[in-house]
Protein backbone atom coordinates (compact mmCIF):
# COMPACT_ATOMS: atom_id res chain seq x y z
CA MET A 1 113.18 -221.56 163.28
CA VAL A 2 113.92 -218.28 164.35
CA TYR A 3 115.11 -215.50 161.84
CA ASP A 4 115.42 -211.84 161.49
CA LEU A 5 113.15 -209.47 159.53
CA ASN A 6 114.02 -206.06 158.78
CA GLY A 7 115.04 -205.88 162.12
CA THR A 8 112.28 -207.85 164.05
CA THR A 9 112.98 -211.25 165.42
CA LEU A 10 110.30 -213.64 164.08
CA SER A 11 109.59 -217.37 165.18
CA THR A 12 107.54 -220.30 163.66
CA GLY A 13 106.85 -221.15 167.34
CA GLY A 14 104.17 -219.33 169.17
CA SER A 15 102.33 -216.12 168.53
CA GLY A 16 99.92 -217.15 165.86
CA MET A 17 102.78 -217.90 163.31
CA LEU A 18 101.63 -221.17 161.55
CA ASN A 19 104.32 -223.14 159.64
CA VAL A 20 102.51 -224.26 156.27
CA LEU A 21 104.35 -227.34 155.97
CA ASP A 22 102.63 -228.59 159.19
CA TYR A 23 99.29 -228.35 157.67
CA GLY A 24 100.03 -230.52 154.47
CA PHE A 25 101.54 -227.71 151.96
CA LYS A 26 104.33 -228.78 150.02
CA GLY A 27 107.02 -226.63 148.58
CA ASP A 28 107.90 -228.89 145.48
CA GLY A 29 106.88 -226.28 142.78
CA THR A 30 104.30 -229.05 141.29
CA THR A 31 102.11 -230.26 144.35
CA ASP A 32 99.02 -228.21 144.11
CA ASN A 33 98.35 -226.27 147.56
CA LEU A 34 95.04 -224.68 146.83
CA ALA A 35 92.86 -226.76 149.05
CA ALA A 36 95.34 -226.74 151.91
CA PHE A 37 95.56 -222.89 151.77
CA HIS A 38 91.88 -222.51 152.06
CA ALA A 39 91.47 -225.11 154.74
CA LEU A 40 94.10 -223.51 156.63
CA ILE A 41 92.52 -219.62 156.64
CA ALA A 42 89.24 -221.01 157.03
CA ALA A 43 90.33 -222.70 160.30
CA HIS A 44 92.82 -219.75 161.41
CA PRO A 45 91.51 -216.68 159.36
CA ALA A 46 93.67 -214.15 161.67
CA GLU A 47 96.92 -215.88 162.07
CA THR A 48 100.31 -215.41 160.24
CA LEU A 49 101.18 -218.09 157.60
CA PHE A 50 104.80 -218.76 157.44
CA PHE A 51 106.20 -220.27 154.42
CA PRO A 52 109.74 -221.69 154.59
CA LYS A 53 111.77 -222.04 151.46
CA GLY A 54 110.22 -223.60 148.67
CA VAL A 55 108.09 -223.23 145.63
CA TYR A 56 104.31 -223.51 146.43
CA ALA A 57 102.02 -224.07 143.50
CA PHE A 58 98.50 -223.41 143.44
CA SER A 59 95.82 -224.06 140.71
CA GLY A 60 93.77 -221.04 141.42
CA LYS A 61 93.64 -217.57 143.11
CA LEU A 62 94.41 -217.06 146.86
CA VAL A 63 91.29 -215.31 148.13
CA LEU A 64 91.84 -213.96 151.71
CA ASP A 65 89.54 -211.81 153.96
CA LEU A 66 92.56 -211.20 156.21
CA CYS A 67 96.23 -211.39 155.36
CA TYR A 68 99.02 -212.21 157.18
CA MET A 69 101.70 -214.04 155.42
CA VAL A 70 105.39 -214.11 155.82
CA LEU A 71 107.74 -215.64 153.10
CA ASP A 72 111.04 -216.96 153.97
CA ASN A 73 112.71 -217.33 150.52
CA ALA A 74 109.65 -218.84 149.39
CA GLU A 75 107.90 -218.42 146.11
CA LEU A 76 104.07 -218.66 145.71
CA LYS A 77 103.24 -219.81 141.97
CA CYS A 78 100.13 -219.63 140.12
CA THR A 79 99.63 -222.88 138.12
CA ALA A 80 95.77 -222.36 137.05
CA ALA A 81 94.94 -224.25 133.88
CA THR A 82 92.91 -221.25 132.58
CA LYS A 83 93.96 -217.66 133.57
CA VAL A 84 92.40 -216.15 136.63
CA ASN A 85 91.81 -212.66 137.15
CA ARG A 86 93.60 -212.49 140.39
CA PHE A 87 96.28 -214.57 141.83
CA ILE A 88 96.21 -213.16 145.36
CA GLU A 89 93.19 -211.25 146.26
CA ILE A 90 92.91 -209.81 149.51
CA ARG A 91 89.37 -208.97 150.43
CA GLY A 92 89.72 -207.16 154.01
CA LYS A 93 87.29 -206.87 156.56
CA MET A 94 83.56 -206.81 155.21
CA THR A 95 81.78 -205.73 158.71
CA PRO A 96 81.03 -203.48 160.23
CA PRO A 97 80.22 -201.20 157.08
CA GLU A 98 82.69 -198.68 156.09
CA THR A 99 85.32 -199.93 158.10
CA PRO A 100 88.21 -201.52 156.40
CA GLN A 101 90.60 -204.06 157.89
CA GLN A 102 93.69 -202.44 159.17
CA ASP A 103 97.44 -203.82 159.33
CA MET A 104 97.63 -206.70 157.22
CA PHE A 105 100.68 -207.71 155.19
CA ILE A 106 102.72 -209.78 152.88
CA ARG A 107 106.36 -209.64 153.99
CA GLY A 108 109.69 -211.30 153.95
CA ASN A 109 112.19 -212.09 151.17
CA GLY A 110 110.15 -214.21 148.97
CA LYS A 111 108.28 -213.75 145.38
CA VAL A 112 104.65 -213.93 144.32
CA ASN A 113 104.74 -215.42 140.82
CA ALA A 114 101.63 -214.93 138.72
CA ASN A 115 103.18 -217.17 136.10
CA PHE A 116 101.51 -215.26 133.09
CA LYS A 117 98.45 -216.95 134.36
CA ALA A 118 96.38 -214.17 135.92
CA ASP A 119 95.94 -210.77 135.16
CA ASP A 120 96.80 -209.13 138.50
CA CYS A 121 99.61 -210.29 140.91
CA ILE A 122 98.10 -208.86 144.07
CA ALA A 123 94.89 -206.94 144.46
CA VAL A 124 93.33 -205.35 147.65
CA ALA A 125 89.61 -204.52 148.29
CA ARG A 126 88.93 -203.16 151.57
CA GLN A 127 92.12 -202.55 153.54
CA LYS A 128 94.01 -199.77 155.59
CA CYS A 129 97.56 -199.62 156.37
CA THR A 130 98.24 -202.86 154.38
CA LEU A 131 102.08 -203.65 154.09
CA ILE A 132 103.86 -205.39 151.09
CA ASP A 133 107.28 -205.57 152.04
CA HIS A 134 110.70 -207.08 150.41
CA ILE A 135 108.45 -208.84 147.71
CA SER A 136 109.40 -209.69 144.23
CA ILE A 137 105.93 -209.46 142.24
CA GLN A 138 106.31 -211.14 138.85
CA ASN A 139 104.85 -212.07 135.62
CA PHE A 140 101.46 -210.59 135.68
CA GLN A 141 99.25 -209.56 132.64
CA ARG A 142 97.59 -206.34 134.00
CA TYR A 143 98.39 -205.19 137.46
CA GLY A 144 101.54 -206.16 139.58
CA ILE A 145 99.52 -204.43 142.80
CA CYS A 146 96.19 -203.28 142.54
CA GLY A 147 94.82 -200.90 145.31
CA LYS A 148 91.26 -201.67 144.81
CA PHE A 149 88.78 -203.98 143.02
CA ASN A 150 85.34 -204.62 143.13
CA ASP A 151 83.47 -208.00 142.86
CA ALA A 152 80.14 -208.76 142.76
CA SER A 153 80.50 -211.72 144.97
CA MET A 154 81.69 -209.31 147.77
CA THR A 155 78.16 -208.76 149.30
CA ASN A 156 76.94 -207.84 152.58
CA SER A 157 73.81 -209.65 154.35
CA ASP A 158 71.36 -207.60 152.46
CA GLY A 159 73.16 -208.97 149.12
CA GLN A 160 74.29 -205.55 148.33
CA THR A 161 78.01 -205.06 147.09
CA GLU A 162 80.37 -203.68 149.73
CA GLY A 163 81.88 -200.34 149.50
CA ASN A 164 85.50 -200.45 148.18
CA LEU A 165 87.54 -198.37 150.87
CA SER A 166 91.21 -199.20 150.04
CA TYR A 167 93.83 -196.75 151.17
CA GLU A 168 96.87 -196.19 153.00
CA LEU A 169 98.78 -199.09 151.21
CA MET A 170 102.48 -199.37 151.96
CA VAL A 171 104.86 -200.91 149.46
CA ARG A 172 108.55 -200.94 150.10
CA ASN A 173 111.65 -202.73 148.89
CA CYS A 174 109.93 -204.62 146.34
CA LEU A 175 110.92 -205.84 142.93
CA ILE A 176 107.77 -205.51 140.26
CA GLU A 177 108.84 -207.10 137.08
CA THR A 178 106.84 -208.60 133.70
CA SER A 179 107.03 -208.43 130.15
CA LEU A 180 106.49 -205.40 127.58
CA ILE A 181 104.61 -207.74 125.32
CA TYR A 182 101.30 -207.04 127.68
CA PRO A 183 99.82 -203.53 126.73
CA ASP A 184 97.68 -203.04 129.61
CA ALA A 185 100.38 -204.18 132.37
CA VAL A 186 100.71 -201.55 135.07
CA GLY A 187 103.17 -201.94 137.76
CA ILE A 188 101.25 -200.29 140.73
CA TYR A 189 97.79 -199.25 140.40
CA ASP A 190 97.37 -196.75 142.91
CA THR A 191 94.14 -195.68 144.87
CA GLY A 192 95.30 -192.92 146.98
CA ASP A 193 96.51 -192.16 150.57
CA SER A 194 99.32 -194.53 150.10
CA MET A 195 103.02 -194.50 150.04
CA TYR A 196 105.50 -196.39 147.65
CA THR A 197 109.22 -196.47 148.32
CA ASP A 198 112.50 -198.24 147.40
CA ILE A 199 110.86 -200.15 144.38
CA VAL A 200 112.42 -201.42 141.09
CA ILE A 201 109.94 -201.85 138.33
CA MET A 202 110.96 -203.65 135.09
CA ASN A 203 109.55 -204.18 131.73
CA VAL A 204 106.02 -203.03 132.58
CA LYS A 205 104.13 -201.06 130.28
CA THR A 206 103.10 -198.36 132.66
CA ALA A 207 105.14 -198.43 135.69
CA LEU A 208 102.79 -196.36 137.90
CA SER A 209 99.16 -195.35 137.56
CA CYS A 210 98.75 -192.64 140.30
CA ASN A 211 96.46 -190.77 142.56
CA GLY A 212 97.03 -187.49 143.68
CA SER A 213 97.00 -188.16 147.36
CA SER A 214 99.98 -190.78 147.28
CA ILE A 215 103.78 -190.41 147.41
CA PHE A 216 106.21 -192.21 145.25
CA HIS A 217 109.86 -192.27 146.36
CA ASN A 218 112.95 -193.91 145.44
CA VAL A 219 111.21 -195.55 142.41
CA HIS A 220 113.70 -196.99 139.88
CA ALA A 221 111.51 -198.02 136.45
CA TRP A 222 113.44 -199.71 133.82
CA CYS A 223 111.39 -200.30 130.53
CA PHE A 224 113.81 -202.39 128.43
CA ASP A 225 113.39 -205.98 127.43
CA PHE A 226 116.64 -207.50 126.09
CA ASN A 227 114.70 -210.42 124.74
CA TYR A 228 114.26 -208.54 121.45
CA SER A 229 117.11 -206.70 119.47
CA ASP A 230 115.46 -205.81 115.97
CA ASN A 231 114.41 -201.95 115.64
CA ASP A 232 110.70 -202.65 114.50
CA THR A 233 110.06 -204.98 117.59
CA LYS A 234 111.65 -202.59 120.14
CA LYS A 235 109.90 -199.87 118.65
CA ALA A 236 106.45 -201.64 119.25
CA LEU A 237 107.23 -202.53 122.52
CA LEU A 238 108.29 -199.09 123.68
CA GLU A 239 105.82 -197.23 122.12
CA ASN A 240 103.18 -195.74 124.74
CA THR A 241 105.34 -197.11 127.54
CA VAL A 242 104.65 -194.43 130.57
CA PHE A 243 106.88 -193.86 133.83
CA ALA A 244 103.61 -192.41 135.50
CA TYR A 245 100.15 -191.91 134.62
CA ILE A 246 98.51 -189.07 136.61
CA ARG A 247 94.72 -190.27 137.19
CA VAL A 248 94.04 -187.74 139.87
CA ASN A 249 96.05 -184.03 140.39
CA GLY A 250 98.67 -183.78 142.69
CA PRO A 251 100.95 -187.24 143.26
CA ARG A 252 104.22 -186.34 144.57
CA PHE A 253 107.60 -187.95 143.01
CA SER A 254 110.93 -187.84 144.75
CA ASP A 255 114.36 -189.18 143.98
CA CYS A 256 112.93 -191.31 141.18
CA TYR A 257 114.81 -192.80 138.06
CA CYS A 258 113.18 -193.37 134.80
CA ASP A 259 114.94 -195.34 132.39
CA THR A 260 114.12 -196.23 128.55
CA TYR A 261 110.39 -194.99 128.67
CA GLN A 262 108.72 -193.35 125.71
CA ARG A 263 106.84 -190.81 128.12
CA GLY A 264 107.82 -189.62 131.37
CA PHE A 265 104.40 -188.48 132.56
CA LYS A 266 100.99 -188.68 131.05
CA PHE A 267 97.92 -187.07 132.23
CA TYR A 268 94.18 -188.38 132.23
CA ASP A 269 92.05 -185.94 130.54
CA GLY A 270 91.58 -182.81 132.85
CA ARG A 271 94.10 -184.13 135.18
CA THR A 272 97.20 -181.67 135.04
CA LEU A 273 99.54 -181.49 138.11
CA ALA A 274 102.45 -183.40 139.37
CA TYR A 275 105.08 -182.59 141.91
CA ILE A 276 108.63 -183.87 141.17
CA THR A 277 111.66 -183.50 143.16
CA ASN A 278 115.03 -185.10 142.30
CA PHE A 279 113.98 -186.85 139.31
CA ARG A 280 116.48 -188.62 136.67
CA TRP A 281 115.33 -189.38 133.10
CA TYR A 282 117.84 -191.60 130.85
CA ILE A 283 117.60 -192.89 127.63
CA ALA A 284 120.63 -194.69 125.89
CA ALA A 285 120.69 -193.30 122.02
CA GLU A 286 122.89 -196.50 121.08
CA THR A 287 119.85 -198.66 122.30
CA TRP A 288 116.80 -196.56 121.44
CA PRO A 289 114.70 -197.66 118.41
CA THR A 290 114.95 -195.04 115.42
CA GLY A 291 111.73 -193.58 114.55
CA LEU A 292 110.36 -193.69 117.98
CA THR A 293 110.58 -190.12 120.22
CA ALA A 294 110.63 -189.85 123.76
CA TYR A 295 109.03 -186.94 125.79
CA VAL A 296 110.25 -186.42 129.36
CA PHE A 297 107.72 -183.82 130.15
CA PRO A 298 104.86 -184.29 127.98
CA ALA A 299 101.65 -181.58 128.40
CA ASN A 300 98.16 -182.59 128.96
CA PRO A 301 96.11 -183.12 125.60
CA THR A 302 93.91 -180.22 126.32
CA GLY A 303 96.92 -177.97 126.21
CA GLN A 304 97.70 -177.65 130.20
CA ALA A 305 100.25 -178.77 132.53
CA MET A 306 101.24 -178.01 135.83
CA TYR A 307 104.50 -179.63 136.41
CA LYS A 308 106.30 -178.48 139.75
CA VAL A 309 109.75 -179.69 139.16
CA PHE A 310 112.80 -179.17 141.66
CA GLY A 311 116.11 -180.70 140.69
CA ALA A 312 115.98 -182.91 137.39
CA ASP A 313 118.85 -184.68 135.61
CA ILE A 314 117.38 -184.96 131.93
CA ASN A 315 119.61 -186.90 129.45
CA GLY A 316 118.14 -187.97 126.12
CA SER A 317 121.22 -187.67 124.04
CA GLY A 318 119.58 -186.37 120.95
CA VAL A 319 116.26 -188.76 121.01
CA THR A 320 114.47 -186.92 123.79
CA LYS A 321 112.29 -184.12 123.68
CA PHE A 322 111.12 -181.63 126.66
CA SER A 323 107.49 -181.88 125.62
CA ASP A 324 105.26 -182.50 122.67
CA VAL A 325 103.44 -179.48 123.65
CA ASP A 326 105.38 -176.01 124.07
CA LEU A 327 105.53 -175.95 128.20
CA SER A 328 107.47 -172.46 128.20
CA LYS A 329 103.99 -170.85 127.53
CA GLN A 330 102.37 -172.78 130.50
CA THR A 331 102.69 -170.30 133.23
CA ASN A 332 101.81 -172.90 135.80
CA CYS A 333 104.90 -175.15 135.45
CA ARG A 334 107.52 -174.27 137.79
CA TRP A 335 111.01 -175.55 136.85
CA TYR A 336 114.24 -175.30 139.39
CA GLY A 337 117.62 -176.78 139.12
CA ILE A 338 117.29 -178.62 136.24
CA VAL A 339 120.22 -179.93 134.28
CA HIS A 340 119.33 -181.27 130.45
CA ASN A 341 120.88 -181.69 126.93
CA LEU A 342 117.58 -180.97 125.25
CA SER A 343 117.46 -178.27 122.68
CA ASP A 344 113.55 -178.06 122.70
CA ALA A 345 113.64 -177.04 126.21
CA PRO A 346 111.74 -173.99 127.36
CA SER A 347 113.82 -171.03 127.22
CA THR A 348 113.80 -170.31 131.10
CA LEU A 349 115.85 -173.56 131.48
CA GLN A 350 118.48 -172.83 128.58
């Protein structure tokens, strides 16, 4: 089988591509493939696993030291009887010390489905330049993509826990989706020096949890669950929703679209700075729950905020406020080319 992936021709024959159907896997949606998976990566730890079309069930988490997977219209589905902490756990290279594994990937046109049976859908520990490309990431309870995790079982020959060196994660052309009923759900938990581009995030309580050294480009986050229509339920679901939680100063956002979140940005205590270019904020008044106010640019709880904004289209249709603290007095904020319909915007924007 030969097919084209993002302009690159791939083949299941030769070049280290292993068709999982040749190693006892079943893509019928019910057969448990966990034992076959771990047997295959134990025998071929550094070769690419090719998943043809089908639904591949796994009764527990998939633990890899090295990750090379291509999904050709294939779904990896968690079917664990009890919840696991992570569905796909990419540990990365453990030796030599202080040297993360480079150039791992999950790519194709497939799906990683935590099936609400895992906290995290995909988590990586020690990696550099890992690529997640054209993958649908669904039905997690905590993190869709977690850029870093620590685990006591990750020890070196001296019995010491290995350092966590996750950076330069590249995520592009992905859909990340879960349910708003999970209050701790985060679409992408970023740990720095990474790039995220052309991503759709749906029904996730916090779309992005951001480190200051990362770039977020063309991210469309839509926080609305059509399974609920009554006002009180919608209010409870949309309350405390956040497009981008700034954990470290200085993340950069360009060409992003935030739809139906209560807060555009939220700062961790002591963090104050975000760079934003060509940002669109939208809330439809006819579907927004009454009794809940949305804030497009909230200030830091300490009273400081350092937004650097160029080009923003802010439409709240009377249900959105510019901030819950008067940002017009914050001299570190910069606003250029903003179009809005908000009566409480700083006077410099009127």
